Protein backbone atom coordinates (compact mmCIF):
# COMPACT_ATOMS: atom_id res chain seq x y z
CA MET A 1 0.06 0.05 0.05
CA LYS A 2 1.18 3.44 -0.91
CA ALA A 3 1.97 6.06 1.95
CA VAL A 4 -0.98 8.06 2.64
CA ARG A 5 1.00 11.27 2.84
CA ASP A 6 2.20 10.65 -0.71
CA GLU A 7 -1.21 10.01 -2.04
CA TYR A 8 -2.48 13.21 -0.50
CA ALA A 9 0.34 15.05 -2.23
CA LYS A 10 -0.48 13.32 -5.50
CA ILE A 11 -4.21 13.42 -5.69
CA GLY A 12 -5.44 15.69 -2.67
CA VAL A 13 -7.05 14.87 0.69
CA LYS A 14 -10.61 15.08 -0.64
CA ASN A 15 -9.82 12.85 -3.68
CA TYR A 16 -7.84 10.20 -1.57
CA TYR A 17 -11.01 9.84 0.75
CA LEU A 18 -13.40 9.70 -2.18
CA ILE A 19 -11.44 6.65 -3.43
CA HIS A 20 -10.60 5.13 -0.22
CA SER A 21 -13.70 5.89 1.87
CA LYS A 22 -14.86 2.35 2.19
CA ASP A 23 -11.26 0.65 2.81
CA TYR A 24 -9.43 3.31 4.77
CA SER A 25 -7.56 2.20 7.84
CA ASN A 26 -4.71 4.13 9.76
CA PRO A 27 -1.59 2.21 9.43
CA HIS A 28 -0.41 3.67 12.95
CA GLU A 29 -3.28 2.00 14.86
CA ALA A 30 -1.16 0.17 17.36
CA THR A 31 0.59 3.43 18.27
CA ILE A 32 -2.81 5.19 18.56
CA ILE A 33 -4.17 2.52 20.79
CA LYS A 34 -0.99 2.73 23.17
CA LEU A 35 -1.45 6.53 23.49
CA LEU A 36 -5.27 6.50 24.11
CA THR A 37 -4.58 3.76 26.85
CA ILE A 38 -2.13 6.33 28.46
CA ALA A 39 -4.57 9.09 28.19
CA GLU A 40 -7.31 6.89 29.73
CA LYS A 41 -5.12 5.95 32.74
CA MET A 42 -4.42 9.66 33.29
CA ASN A 43 -8.07 10.51 33.34
CA TYR A 44 -8.02 12.98 30.36
CA ILE A 45 -10.76 11.17 28.55
CA GLY A 46 -14.39 11.68 29.88
CA LYS A 47 -17.57 9.86 29.36
CA LYS A 48 -18.87 11.52 26.33
CA VAL A 49 -16.42 11.36 23.53
CA LEU A 50 -16.28 12.91 19.99
CA ASP A 51 -14.23 10.83 17.49
CA LEU A 52 -13.49 13.87 15.34
CA CYS A 53 -12.62 12.53 11.71
CA CYS A 54 -13.18 9.16 12.94
CA GLY A 55 -11.81 7.39 9.93
CA SER A 56 -12.40 3.53 10.06
CA GLY A 57 -13.09 3.70 13.86
CA GLU A 58 -9.56 3.20 15.39
CA VAL A 59 -10.17 5.47 18.31
CA THR A 60 -13.87 4.35 18.71
CA SER A 61 -12.83 0.80 18.84
CA CYS A 62 -10.09 1.30 21.35
CA LEU A 63 -12.26 3.43 23.78
CA GLU A 64 -15.41 1.06 23.47
CA LYS A 65 -13.69 -1.21 26.06
CA TYR A 66 -13.52 1.66 28.62
CA ASP A 67 -17.32 2.29 28.48
CA HIS A 68 -17.31 5.63 26.67
CA GLU A 69 -20.35 7.09 24.73
CA ILE A 70 -18.74 7.81 21.48
CA THR A 71 -19.81 9.87 18.65
CA GLY A 72 -18.03 9.52 15.36
CA LEU A 73 -17.82 12.38 12.85
CA ASP A 74 -16.12 12.20 9.58
CA PRO A 75 -17.26 13.61 5.94
CA TYR A 76 -15.54 10.92 3.92
CA THR A 77 -15.21 7.50 5.84
CA THR A 78 -18.75 7.01 7.43
CA GLU A 79 -19.02 3.49 5.47
CA ALA A 80 -15.72 2.25 6.76
CA TYR A 81 -16.42 3.42 10.22
CA TYR A 82 -19.77 1.68 10.23
CA ASN A 83 -18.43 -1.46 8.87
CA ARG A 84 -16.07 -1.84 11.74
CA THR A 85 -17.93 -0.33 14.57
CA LYS A 86 -21.71 -0.85 13.60
CA LYS A 87 -22.30 2.96 14.55
CA THR A 88 -23.41 5.74 12.12
CA ALA A 89 -20.97 8.61 12.00
CA LEU A 90 -22.10 12.13 11.69
CA LYS A 91 -21.14 13.23 8.10
CA LEU A 92 -19.79 16.72 8.91
CA SER A 93 -16.47 18.53 7.71
CA PHE A 94 -14.32 21.02 9.54
CA LYS A 95 -16.32 23.70 7.59
CA ASP A 96 -19.46 22.23 8.75
CA ILE A 97 -18.16 22.52 12.27
CA VAL A 98 -17.01 26.08 11.76
CA ASN A 99 -20.53 27.04 10.35
CA GLY A 100 -22.09 25.78 13.54
CA PHE A 101 -23.72 22.47 12.55
CA LEU A 102 -22.24 20.62 15.69
CA LYS A 103 -24.08 21.75 18.82
CA GLU A 104 -23.80 18.65 21.04
CA ARG A 105 -21.48 18.93 24.14
CA PHE A 106 -18.70 16.48 24.68
CA ASP A 107 -16.37 15.68 27.81
CA CYS A 108 -13.60 15.23 25.33
CA ILE A 109 -12.73 15.61 21.61
CA ILE A 110 -10.24 13.26 20.11
CA SER A 111 -8.75 13.96 16.75
CA SER A 112 -6.47 11.32 15.32
CA PHE A 113 -4.29 11.96 12.21
CA ALA A 114 -6.69 14.54 10.96
CA MET A 115 -6.26 18.15 12.60
CA HIS A 116 -3.13 18.71 10.56
CA LEU A 117 -5.25 18.53 7.44
CA CYS A 118 -7.29 21.56 8.40
CA ASP A 119 -6.67 24.51 6.19
CA GLU A 120 -4.43 26.96 8.43
CA SER A 121 -6.85 29.94 7.64
CA MET A 122 -9.89 27.78 9.27
CA LEU A 123 -8.07 26.24 12.03
CA PRO A 124 -8.52 29.15 14.63
CA SER A 125 -12.43 29.23 13.94
CA LEU A 126 -12.56 25.37 14.04
CA LEU A 127 -10.57 25.48 17.45
CA TRP A 128 -13.01 28.23 18.91
CA LYS A 129 -16.13 25.95 17.73
CA LEU A 130 -14.57 22.85 19.39
CA CYS A 131 -13.89 24.94 22.53
CA GLU A 132 -17.52 25.87 22.80
CA ILE A 133 -18.58 22.09 22.89
CA SER A 134 -15.91 20.59 25.08
CA ASN A 135 -13.43 21.11 27.78
CA THR A 136 -10.78 18.60 26.66
CA LEU A 137 -9.06 18.15 23.14
CA ILE A 138 -6.74 15.37 22.50
CA VAL A 139 -4.92 15.64 19.29
CA ILE A 140 -2.82 12.69 17.99
CA THR A 141 -0.69 13.68 14.94
CA PRO A 142 2.43 12.43 12.94
CA HIS A 143 3.44 16.42 12.80
CA LYS A 144 4.26 19.18 15.07
CA ARG A 145 1.02 20.75 13.32
CA PRO A 146 -1.30 21.93 14.44
CA ASP A 147 -0.25 24.25 17.36
CA CYS A 148 -3.68 24.75 18.92
CA ASP A 149 -2.06 26.43 22.14
CA ASN A 150 -1.28 29.59 20.25
CA VAL A 151 -4.43 30.07 18.28
CA SER A 152 -7.26 29.45 20.46
CA CYS A 153 -9.05 28.99 23.88
CA TRP A 154 -6.91 25.77 24.50
CA ILE A 155 -3.99 25.29 26.71
CA LEU A 156 -1.62 22.52 26.18
CA VAL A 157 -1.24 20.52 29.57
CA ASP A 158 0.62 17.45 28.43
CA GLU A 159 2.39 15.97 25.28
CA ILE A 160 3.47 12.37 24.90
CA VAL A 161 5.49 11.16 21.78
CA LEU A 162 5.59 7.45 21.09
CA ASP A 163 6.90 5.93 17.79
CA ARG A 164 7.11 9.52 16.23
CA VAL A 165 3.50 9.90 16.94
CA ARG A 166 2.48 12.87 19.02
CA MET A 167 -0.57 12.91 21.51
CA ARG A 168 -1.06 16.54 22.83
CA ILE A 169 -3.82 17.10 25.47
CA TYR A 170 -5.49 20.61 25.68
CA LEU A 171 -7.93 21.99 28.28
CA ASN A 172 -10.34 24.68 27.63
CA LYS A 173 -8.97 28.04 28.90
CA ASN A 174 -12.58 29.13 29.54
CA THR A 175 -13.49 26.55 32.21
């Protein structure tokens, strides 16, 4: 299988997910599970969780064993998510969130391998909207991007790096 990053560069993120919406899976799932297990043990994840850009359900599948109420959200991979988790994901994009289509409150929002794909000009608005619906944001990323601490109401409280994957935990400055 070709590297996802290379495919993003070649055909674009949207086209990649149009082609792979049914068969997408994150090749870093084992690392994601280890990081989420750490976050769980440190009590960063509350009861009600938004799996933001849920892909094929890697985060949801990991957290189900901890008895969380999980809502998946992804504009492209809802079929892959359903096939794995038997749950229906909300089909919303970053732009939809910025435009106010997500009103539900969550204890924690987890974005795994997705927030770095948000257009930089949209990122501050997205982070502000997420701040309005949750007190905790966990970003798992293969990059140093995005830096949520400097552009929003979030403050970085912890960062764990494992196998070159970063998990950043942010708390809402307004709570």
